[in-house]
């Protein structure tokens, strides 16, 4: 199954790095002409994306699937461009909000290790 970017952890993180103009293009009304109910409220989405950009991580609480929670961080290229997201997902019954910072720190450590591996090809 393929979900729209605004419904996934990695998608939200990548959207958070777009300019307002780029976001307008992604969610232009004409792209949703045949399915207007699927187009998100851009004012609400922009508010959420600003928060995600500041925080550097995203939490998806049952946004893409009922009973699923995901926490993710951005993977950036050498020039600082957001290239991907790295996330961990779990059943919502296993999620403990008190462990959020620990999950984010673990994901950030994994991104640093990934950066090092990619910088040293052999």
C-alpha atoms as a PDB file:
ATOM      1  CA  UNK A   1       0.000   0.000   0.000  1.00  0.00           C
ATOM      2  CA  UNK A   2       1.236   3.501  -0.816  1.00  0.00           C
ATOM      3  CA  UNK A   3       0.322   6.362   1.513  1.00  0.00           C
ATOM      4  CA  UNK A   4       0.410  10.093   0.730  1.00  0.00           C
ATOM      5  CA  UNK A   5       3.468  11.844   2.172  1.00  0.00           C
ATOM      6  CA  UNK A   6       1.427  13.761   4.754  1.00  0.00           C
ATOM      7  CA  UNK A   7       0.304  10.450   6.279  1.00  0.00           C
ATOM      8  CA  UNK A   8       3.780   8.975   6.912  1.00  0.00           C
ATOM      9  CA  UNK A   9       6.606   9.846   9.261  1.00  0.00           C
ATOM     10  CA  UNK A  10       9.295  10.081   6.587  1.00  0.00           C
ATOM     11  CA  UNK A  11       6.944  11.905   4.241  1.00  0.00           C
ATOM     12  CA  UNK A  12       6.161  14.546   6.842  1.00  0.00           C
ATOM     13  CA  UNK A  13       9.865  15.061   7.534  1.00  0.00           C
ATOM     14  CA  UNK A  14      10.603  15.559   3.849  1.00  0.00           C
ATOM     15  CA  UNK A  15       7.617  17.874   3.422  1.00  0.00           C
ATOM     16  CA  UNK A  16       8.891  19.934   6.377  1.00  0.00           C
ATOM     17  CA  UNK A  17      11.937  20.926   4.322  1.00  0.00           C
ATOM     18  CA  UNK A  18       9.938  22.235   1.362  1.00  0.00           C
ATOM     19  CA  UNK A  19       9.382  25.910   0.715  1.00  0.00           C
ATOM     20  CA  UNK A  20       5.818  27.238   0.825  1.00  0.00           C
ATOM     21  CA  UNK A  21       5.816  27.370  -2.971  1.00  0.00           C
ATOM     22  CA  UNK A  22       6.942  23.740  -3.267  1.00  0.00           C
ATOM     23  CA  UNK A  23       4.290  22.643  -0.779  1.00  0.00           C
ATOM     24  CA  UNK A  24       1.645  24.562  -2.730  1.00  0.00           C
ATOM     25  CA  UNK A  25       2.726  22.715  -5.869  1.00  0.00           C
ATOM     26  CA  UNK A  26       2.594  19.292  -4.198  1.00  0.00           C
ATOM     27  CA  UNK A  27      -0.902  19.971  -2.862  1.00  0.00           C
ATOM     28  CA  UNK A  28      -2.261  22.083  -5.711  1.00  0.00           C
ATOM     29  CA  UNK A  29      -6.077  21.782  -5.910  1.00  0.00           C
ATOM     30  CA  UNK A  30      -5.943  20.617  -9.527  1.00  0.00           C
ATOM     31  CA  UNK A  31      -3.903  17.568  -8.473  1.00  0.00           C
ATOM     32  CA  UNK A  32      -6.828  16.588  -6.235  1.00  0.00           C
ATOM     33  CA  UNK A  33      -9.623  17.448  -8.652  1.00  0.00           C
ATOM     34  CA  UNK A  34     -10.925  13.868  -8.758  1.00  0.00           C
ATOM     35  CA  UNK A  35     -10.424  13.262  -5.011  1.00  0.00           C
ATOM     36  CA  UNK A  36     -10.797  16.580  -3.133  1.00  0.00           C
ATOM     37  CA  UNK A  37     -11.422  14.891   0.222  1.00  0.00           C
ATOM     38  CA  UNK A  38      -7.858  13.530   0.179  1.00  0.00           C
ATOM     39  CA  UNK A  39      -6.268  16.977  -0.035  1.00  0.00           C
ATOM     40  CA  UNK A  40      -5.066  18.039   3.417  1.00  0.00           C
ATOM     41  CA  UNK A  41      -5.877  21.352   5.060  1.00  0.00           C
ATOM     42  CA  UNK A  42      -2.730  23.250   4.090  1.00  0.00           C
ATOM     43  CA  UNK A  43      -2.894  25.743   6.960  1.00  0.00           C
ATOM     44  CA  UNK A  44      -2.945  22.918   9.512  1.00  0.00           C
ATOM     45  CA  UNK A  45      -0.293  20.980   7.603  1.00  0.00           C
ATOM     46  CA  UNK A  46       2.026  24.017   7.445  1.00  0.00           C
ATOM     47  CA  UNK A  47       1.688  24.519  11.211  1.00  0.00           C
ATOM     48  CA  UNK A  48       2.568  20.893  11.822  1.00  0.00           C
ATOM     49  CA  UNK A  49       5.473  20.974   9.359  1.00  0.00           C
ATOM     50  CA  UNK A  50       6.986  24.059  11.016  1.00  0.00           C
ATOM     51  CA  UNK A  51       6.911  22.222  14.346  1.00  0.00           C
ATOM     52  CA  UNK A  52       8.496  19.106  12.807  1.00  0.00           C
ATOM     53  CA  UNK A  53      11.191  21.207  11.139  1.00  0.00           C
ATOM     54  CA  UNK A  54      12.045  22.800  14.496  1.00  0.00           C
ATOM     55  CA  UNK A  55      11.962  19.533  16.449  1.00  0.00           C
ATOM     56  CA  UNK A  56      13.824  17.474  13.866  1.00  0.00           C
ATOM     57  CA  UNK A  57      11.618  14.414  14.361  1.00  0.00           C
ATOM     58  CA  UNK A  58       8.088  13.257  13.630  1.00  0.00           C
ATOM     59  CA  UNK A  59       5.621  11.030  15.436  1.00  0.00           C
ATOM     60  CA  UNK A  60       2.913   9.293  13.445  1.00  0.00           C
ATOM     61  CA  UNK A  61       0.148   8.273  15.840  1.00  0.00           C
ATOM     62  CA  UNK A  62      -2.191   6.079  13.825  1.00  0.00           C
ATOM     63  CA  UNK A  63      -2.102   8.517  10.926  1.00  0.00           C
ATOM     64  CA  UNK A  64      -1.413   5.844   8.338  1.00  0.00           C
ATOM     65  CA  UNK A  65      -2.767   2.760  10.104  1.00  0.00           C
ATOM     66  CA  UNK A  66      -4.891   2.199  13.167  1.00  0.00           C
ATOM     67  CA  UNK A  67      -2.895   0.688  16.029  1.00  0.00           C
ATOM     68  CA  UNK A  68       0.492   1.783  14.642  1.00  0.00           C
ATOM     69  CA  UNK A  69       2.882   4.445  15.888  1.00  0.00           C
ATOM     70  CA  UNK A  70       6.081   5.497  14.129  1.00  0.00           C
ATOM     71  CA  UNK A  71       8.858   7.853  15.180  1.00  0.00           C
ATOM     72  CA  UNK A  72      11.312   9.177  12.604  1.00  0.00           C
ATOM     73  CA  UNK A  73      14.153  11.576  11.856  1.00  0.00           C
ATOM     74  CA  UNK A  74      15.566  13.073   8.647  1.00  0.00           C
ATOM     75  CA  UNK A  75      18.542  11.772   6.716  1.00  0.00           C
ATOM     76  CA  UNK A  76      20.335  14.703   5.106  1.00  0.00           C
ATOM     77  CA  UNK A  77      22.796  14.862   2.249  1.00  0.00           C
ATOM     78  CA  UNK A  78      26.190  16.523   2.537  1.00  0.00           C
ATOM     79  CA  UNK A  79      24.642  19.809   1.414  1.00  0.00           C
ATOM     80  CA  UNK A  80      21.980  19.633   4.151  1.00  0.00           C
ATOM     81  CA  UNK A  81      19.127  18.649   1.852  1.00  0.00           C
ATOM     82  CA  UNK A  82      16.653  16.208   3.355  1.00  0.00           C
ATOM     83  CA  UNK A  83      17.001  13.006   1.338  1.00  0.00           C
ATOM     84  CA  UNK A  84      15.036  10.446   3.324  1.00  0.00           C
ATOM     85  CA  UNK A  85      13.597   9.578   6.671  1.00  0.00           C
ATOM     86  CA  UNK A  86      14.637   6.858   9.075  1.00  0.00           C
ATOM     87  CA  UNK A  87      11.898   5.604  11.345  1.00  0.00           C
ATOM     88  CA  UNK A  88      10.867   2.872  13.693  1.00  0.00           C
ATOM     89  CA  UNK A  89       7.288   1.702  13.986  1.00  0.00           C
ATOM     90  CA  UNK A  90       5.514  -0.285  16.642  1.00  0.00           C
ATOM     91  CA  UNK A  91       2.068  -1.310  17.767  1.00  0.00           C
ATOM     92  CA  UNK A  92       0.514   1.565  19.679  1.00  0.00           C
ATOM     93  CA  UNK A  93       0.168  -0.624  22.782  1.00  0.00           C
ATOM     94  CA  UNK A  94       4.000  -0.784  22.968  1.00  0.00           C
ATOM     95  CA  UNK A  95       4.565   2.956  22.610  1.00  0.00           C
ATOM     96  CA  UNK A  96       5.535   4.812  25.765  1.00  0.00           C
ATOM     97  CA  UNK A  97       5.702   8.611  25.260  1.00  0.00           C
ATOM     98  CA  UNK A  98       8.247   8.765  28.107  1.00  0.00           C
ATOM     99  CA  UNK A  99      10.686   6.937  25.816  1.00  0.00           C
ATOM    100  CA  UNK A 100      10.245   9.330  22.893  1.00  0.00           C
ATOM    101  CA  UNK A 101      13.509  11.207  23.459  1.00  0.00           C
ATOM    102  CA  UNK A 102      15.378   7.916  23.760  1.00  0.00           C
ATOM    103  CA  UNK A 103      13.881   6.688  20.477  1.00  0.00           C
ATOM    104  CA  UNK A 104      14.795   9.941  18.737  1.00  0.00           C
ATOM    105  CA  UNK A 105      18.363   9.790  20.119  1.00  0.00           C
ATOM    106  CA  UNK A 106      18.740   6.202  18.897  1.00  0.00           C
ATOM    107  CA  UNK A 107      17.470   7.139  15.437  1.00  0.00           C
ATOM    108  CA  UNK A 108      19.809  10.149  15.302  1.00  0.00           C
ATOM    109  CA  UNK A 109      22.747   7.885  16.228  1.00  0.00           C
ATOM    110  CA  UNK A 110      21.743   5.523  13.429  1.00  0.00           C
ATOM    111  CA  UNK A 111      21.663   8.448  10.976  1.00  0.00           C
ATOM    112  CA  UNK A 112      25.170   9.502  12.076  1.00  0.00           C
ATOM    113  CA  UNK A 113      26.411   5.929  11.543  1.00  0.00           C
ATOM    114  CA  UNK A 114      24.734   5.860   8.141  1.00  0.00           C
ATOM    115  CA  UNK A 115      26.422   9.149   7.224  1.00  0.00           C
ATOM    116  CA  UNK A 116      29.809   7.736   8.219  1.00  0.00           C
ATOM    117  CA  UNK A 117      29.244   4.544   6.218  1.00  0.00           C
ATOM    118  CA  UNK A 118      28.217   6.494   3.134  1.00  0.00           C
ATOM    119  CA  UNK A 119      31.194   8.867   3.453  1.00  0.00           C
ATOM    120  CA  UNK A 120      33.669   5.956   3.557  1.00  0.00           C
ATOM    121  CA  UNK A 121      32.866   3.744   0.561  1.00  0.00           C
ATOM    122  CA  UNK A 122      35.425   1.061   1.527  1.00  0.00           C
END
